[in-house]
Protein backbone atom coordinates (compact mmCIF):
# COMPACT_ATOMS: atom_id res chain seq x y z
CA MET A 1 134.67 129.01 53.60
CA HIS A 2 137.32 129.66 50.97
CA ILE A 3 136.62 127.54 47.93
CA ASN A 4 140.15 126.15 47.93
CA LYS A 5 139.40 124.66 51.35
CA VAL A 6 136.39 122.71 50.08
CA LYS A 7 136.35 118.92 50.41
CA ALA A 8 133.08 118.03 48.75
CA VAL A 9 131.05 114.97 47.89
CA VAL A 10 128.73 115.63 44.93
CA THR A 11 126.04 113.09 44.15
CA GLY A 12 124.85 112.85 40.56
CA GLY A 13 128.21 114.26 39.52
CA ALA A 14 128.45 112.14 36.37
CA SER A 15 126.27 114.56 34.40
CA GLY A 16 124.06 117.64 34.45
CA LEU A 17 123.91 119.91 37.48
CA GLY A 18 126.14 117.61 39.53
CA GLU A 19 128.87 117.50 36.92
CA ALA A 20 128.82 121.28 36.50
CA THR A 21 129.06 121.71 40.27
CA ALA A 22 131.96 119.30 40.58
CA ARG A 23 133.79 121.11 37.79
CA ALA A 24 133.22 124.52 39.41
CA LEU A 25 134.55 123.41 42.79
CA ILE A 26 137.62 121.80 41.26
CA ALA A 27 138.25 124.92 39.14
CA GLY A 28 138.23 126.98 42.34
CA GLY A 29 140.89 124.79 43.91
CA GLY A 30 138.65 122.55 45.98
CA LYS A 31 138.66 118.76 46.30
CA VAL A 32 135.71 116.72 45.02
CA THR A 33 134.57 113.12 45.17
CA ILE A 34 131.81 112.30 42.69
CA LEU A 35 129.19 109.80 43.90
CA ASP A 36 127.04 108.34 41.13
CA ARG A 37 125.48 105.07 40.01
CA ASP A 38 126.66 105.77 36.47
CA ALA A 39 130.18 104.52 35.86
CA LYS A 40 130.58 107.52 33.53
CA GLY A 41 131.38 109.41 36.70
CA ALA A 42 134.83 107.85 36.66
CA ASP A 43 135.54 109.48 33.28
CA VAL A 44 134.35 112.87 34.50
CA ALA A 45 136.45 112.53 37.65
CA THR A 46 139.54 111.72 35.59
CA GLN A 47 138.94 114.72 33.32
CA ILE A 48 138.65 117.25 36.13
CA GLY A 49 140.97 115.77 38.75
CA ALA A 50 138.33 114.49 41.18
CA ASP A 51 137.78 111.13 42.84
CA PHE A 52 134.88 108.81 42.04
CA VAL A 53 132.93 106.21 44.00
CA GLN A 54 130.12 104.31 42.29
CA THR A 55 127.22 104.75 44.68
CA ASP A 56 123.55 103.93 45.11
CA VAL A 57 122.34 106.82 47.27
CA THR A 58 119.24 104.88 48.32
CA ASP A 59 121.28 102.01 49.76
CA GLU A 60 122.60 102.52 53.29
CA THR A 61 125.61 100.23 52.89
CA SER A 62 126.62 101.70 49.53
CA ALA A 63 126.24 105.29 50.75
CA GLN A 64 128.17 104.63 53.96
CA ALA A 65 131.03 103.02 52.05
CA ALA A 66 131.10 105.96 49.63
CA ILE A 67 131.24 108.57 52.38
CA THR A 68 133.98 106.65 54.16
CA ALA A 69 136.01 106.33 50.96
CA ALA A 70 135.53 110.02 50.09
CA ALA A 71 136.62 111.16 53.54
CA LYS A 72 139.74 109.02 53.29
CA ALA A 73 140.60 110.28 49.79
CA MET A 74 140.15 113.98 50.64
CA GLY A 75 141.27 113.99 54.26
CA GLY A 76 137.74 114.70 55.47
CA ILE A 77 134.50 116.21 54.15
CA ASN A 78 133.18 119.71 54.73
CA VAL A 79 130.66 120.03 51.87
CA ALA A 80 127.96 117.63 50.68
CA ILE A 81 125.95 118.54 47.57
CA ASN A 82 123.07 116.31 46.53
CA CYS A 83 122.27 116.52 42.81
CA ALA A 84 121.31 112.89 42.18
CA GLY A 85 117.70 112.57 41.16
CA ILE A 86 115.16 111.50 38.58
CA ALA A 87 112.29 113.33 36.89
CA THR A 88 109.14 111.32 36.37
CA GLY A 89 105.78 112.10 34.82
CA GLU A 90 102.58 110.22 35.59
CA LYS A 91 99.10 111.42 36.46
CA THR A 92 97.42 110.42 39.71
CA LEU A 93 94.70 108.84 37.59
CA GLY A 94 95.52 108.27 33.95
CA ARG A 95 93.82 106.57 31.04
CA GLU A 96 95.38 103.25 32.03
CA GLY A 97 94.48 103.51 35.70
CA PRO A 98 95.92 104.98 38.90
CA HIS A 99 99.49 106.18 39.34
CA SER A 100 101.96 103.33 39.78
CA LEU A 101 102.77 103.00 43.48
CA ALA A 102 106.19 101.58 42.60
CA GLY A 103 106.90 104.62 40.43
CA PHE A 104 105.91 107.01 43.21
CA GLN A 105 108.04 105.16 45.76
CA ARG A 106 111.06 105.03 43.45
CA THR A 107 110.91 108.79 42.88
CA ILE A 108 110.69 109.49 46.61
CA ASP A 109 113.46 106.98 47.36
CA ILE A 110 115.97 108.48 44.94
CA ASN A 111 115.16 112.19 45.21
CA LEU A 112 114.24 112.54 48.87
CA VAL A 113 115.42 109.49 50.80
CA GLY A 114 118.67 109.37 48.82
CA SER A 115 119.40 113.02 49.59
CA PHE A 116 118.68 112.54 53.28
CA ASN A 117 120.77 109.38 53.36
CA ILE A 118 123.86 111.15 52.04
CA ALA A 119 123.20 114.26 54.13
CA ARG A 120 122.94 112.38 57.42
CA LEU A 121 126.05 110.29 56.75
CA ALA A 122 128.07 113.26 55.52
CA ALA A 123 127.00 115.29 58.56
CA GLU A 124 128.66 112.78 60.86
CA VAL A 125 131.96 113.27 59.04
CA ILE A 126 131.62 117.05 58.65
CA ALA A 127 131.04 117.33 62.41
CA ARG A 128 134.61 116.08 62.94
CA GLU A 129 136.12 118.99 61.00
CA GLU A 130 137.98 121.69 62.89
CA PRO A 131 135.63 124.68 63.22
CA SER A 132 136.60 128.10 61.92
CA LYS A 133 134.00 130.46 63.35
CA GLY A 134 130.23 130.47 63.72
CA CYS A 135 128.79 127.66 61.59
CA GLY A 136 132.27 126.93 60.41
CA ARG A 137 132.53 123.18 59.92
CA GLY A 138 130.72 122.85 56.63
CA VAL A 139 127.54 122.94 54.60
CA ILE A 140 125.03 120.53 53.07
CA ILE A 141 123.28 121.64 49.87
CA ASN A 142 120.30 119.65 48.59
CA THR A 143 118.59 120.09 45.23
CA ALA A 144 114.88 120.86 45.31
CA SER A 145 112.98 122.21 42.29
CA ILE A 146 110.46 124.88 41.45
CA ALA A 147 108.10 121.89 41.08
CA ALA A 148 108.10 121.81 44.89
CA PHE A 149 106.02 125.00 44.70
CA ASP A 150 104.56 125.00 41.16
CA GLY A 151 104.03 121.32 40.42
CA GLN A 152 102.38 120.60 37.09
CA LYS A 153 100.09 117.82 35.86
CA GLY A 154 101.82 114.47 36.08
CA GLN A 155 104.28 115.69 38.72
CA ALA A 156 102.67 114.38 41.91
CA ALA A 157 105.62 112.11 42.68
CA TYR A 158 108.35 114.49 41.54
CA ALA A 159 106.81 117.54 43.24
CA ALA A 160 106.29 115.61 46.47
CA SER A 161 109.92 114.48 46.50
CA LYS A 162 111.19 118.02 45.91
CA ALA A 163 108.76 119.55 48.41
CA GLY A 164 110.22 117.12 50.93
CA ILE A 165 113.69 118.48 50.16
CA ALA A 166 112.45 122.03 50.74
CA GLY A 167 110.62 121.05 53.91
CA MET A 168 113.58 119.44 55.63
CA VAL A 169 116.01 122.33 55.10
CA LEU A 170 115.10 124.35 58.19
CA PRO A 171 114.71 121.48 60.69
CA MET A 172 117.95 119.93 59.46
CA ALA A 173 119.72 123.29 59.79
CA ARG A 174 118.43 123.55 63.34
CA ASP A 175 119.47 119.98 64.12
CA LEU A 176 123.02 120.55 62.89
CA ALA A 177 123.58 124.06 64.23
CA ARG A 178 125.36 122.78 67.33
CA ASP A 179 127.79 120.95 65.04
CA GLY A 180 128.53 124.07 63.01
CA ILE A 181 126.93 122.69 59.84
CA ARG A 182 124.74 124.82 57.60
CA VAL A 183 121.97 123.34 55.43
CA MET A 184 120.65 124.90 52.23
CA ALA A 185 118.64 123.90 49.18
CA ILE A 186 118.60 125.15 45.61
CA ALA A 187 115.36 125.02 43.63
CA PRO A 188 116.27 125.19 39.93
CA GLY A 189 113.84 125.95 37.15
CA ILE A 190 114.25 124.48 33.67
CA PHE A 191 117.92 123.80 33.01
CA LEU A 192 119.78 122.41 30.01
CA THR A 193 120.57 119.04 31.54
CA PRO A 194 121.15 115.93 29.39
CA MET A 195 117.45 115.04 29.66
CA LEU A 196 116.37 118.36 28.11
CA MET A 197 119.20 118.36 25.58
CA GLY A 198 117.54 115.28 24.08
CA LEU A 199 114.38 117.25 23.26
CA PRO A 200 113.87 118.82 19.83
CA GLU A 201 115.02 122.43 19.50
CA GLU A 202 111.45 123.67 18.97
CA VAL A 203 110.34 122.06 22.25
CA ARG A 204 113.23 123.69 24.13
CA ALA A 205 112.35 127.03 22.56
CA THR A 206 108.75 126.68 23.75
CA LEU A 207 109.92 125.97 27.29
CA ALA A 208 112.26 128.98 27.19
CA ARG A 209 109.43 131.33 26.18
CA ASP A 210 107.74 130.76 29.54
CA VAL A 211 110.76 132.09 31.44
CA THR A 212 110.27 135.73 32.45
CA CYS A 213 113.83 137.05 32.11
CA PRO A 214 116.26 136.06 30.74
CA GLN A 215 114.03 134.19 28.27
CA ARG A 216 116.12 131.07 27.96
CA LEU A 217 116.80 127.81 29.77
CA GLY A 218 119.25 127.71 32.64
CA ASP A 219 122.90 126.79 32.18
CA PRO A 220 124.16 124.15 34.66
CA ALA A 221 127.18 126.41 35.23
CA GLU A 222 124.76 128.95 36.79
CA PHE A 223 123.51 126.35 39.24
CA ALA A 224 127.14 125.49 40.02
CA ALA A 225 128.00 129.16 40.61
CA LEU A 226 125.16 129.40 43.14
CA ALA A 227 126.33 126.25 44.91
CA ARG A 228 129.84 127.73 45.13
CA PHE A 229 128.41 131.00 46.47
CA ILE A 230 126.53 129.11 49.19
CA CYS A 231 129.76 127.36 50.22
CA GLU A 232 131.51 130.70 50.52
CA SER A 233 128.69 132.64 52.24
CA GLU A 234 128.52 131.59 55.87
CA TYR A 235 125.35 133.54 56.71
CA LEU A 236 123.26 131.56 54.24
CA ASN A 237 121.52 128.85 56.23
CA GLY A 238 118.14 127.12 56.48
CA GLU A 239 116.81 128.51 53.19
CA VAL A 240 115.66 127.39 49.74
CA ILE A 241 116.91 129.58 46.87
CA ARG A 242 115.03 129.53 43.57
CA ILE A 243 117.12 129.95 40.43
CA ASP A 244 114.60 130.07 37.61
CA GLY A 245 114.55 133.41 35.76
CA ALA A 246 111.29 134.27 37.62
CA LEU A 247 109.52 131.32 35.99
CA ARG A 248 106.24 130.36 37.62
CA MET A 249 104.92 127.14 36.14
CA GLN A 250 101.35 127.16 34.83
């Protein structure tokens, strides 16, 4: 798929990995609709020439309305990129008692259920696109994490949500093959998102030292470049790609 043919919805596009991805697609000549709960997404959309729909990815009605509005604004959808998510930390059994069930459910709802919700609704619209060749109607890209494979203490909820993302890539790709829709996932390591930018410099430096090479934190633009590459590379399907500088969490 040529990048200037892209008509993408990007969840979590108001900041971080989602914003970088939206910017990269627009810079390549594609069309983008940002879906985000944060109204800041409207400002980002205005800056880069995208559309914006305030969206709760966990809510079926909200997500359906957003996909419908995005398809109308762009004349269809052929790419869906899920970057919306939260990072939580809580031990299964801590000093104050067991892990909050509400906290676990919220993490799963936003990271996993929200991604599936957008993916399934977008797939229905992508399936209406005119095919080019092979799996030529479009692609869905979900965001996993290296925590899906190397989860640390306090990451039971987060790692489970991201492992779910990784686990549904292949069956979803197989489900959507007849519709000409590819499904991929990106598993980023430690990236300089707004959450990490709020940490002291010495803490960020400590995190960077654990990365094998290059010994630094990831730039959201690098995640965005990989997302763009996946859009353009038709033979990539049913796989999770780690982008982490060979980091393996202790």
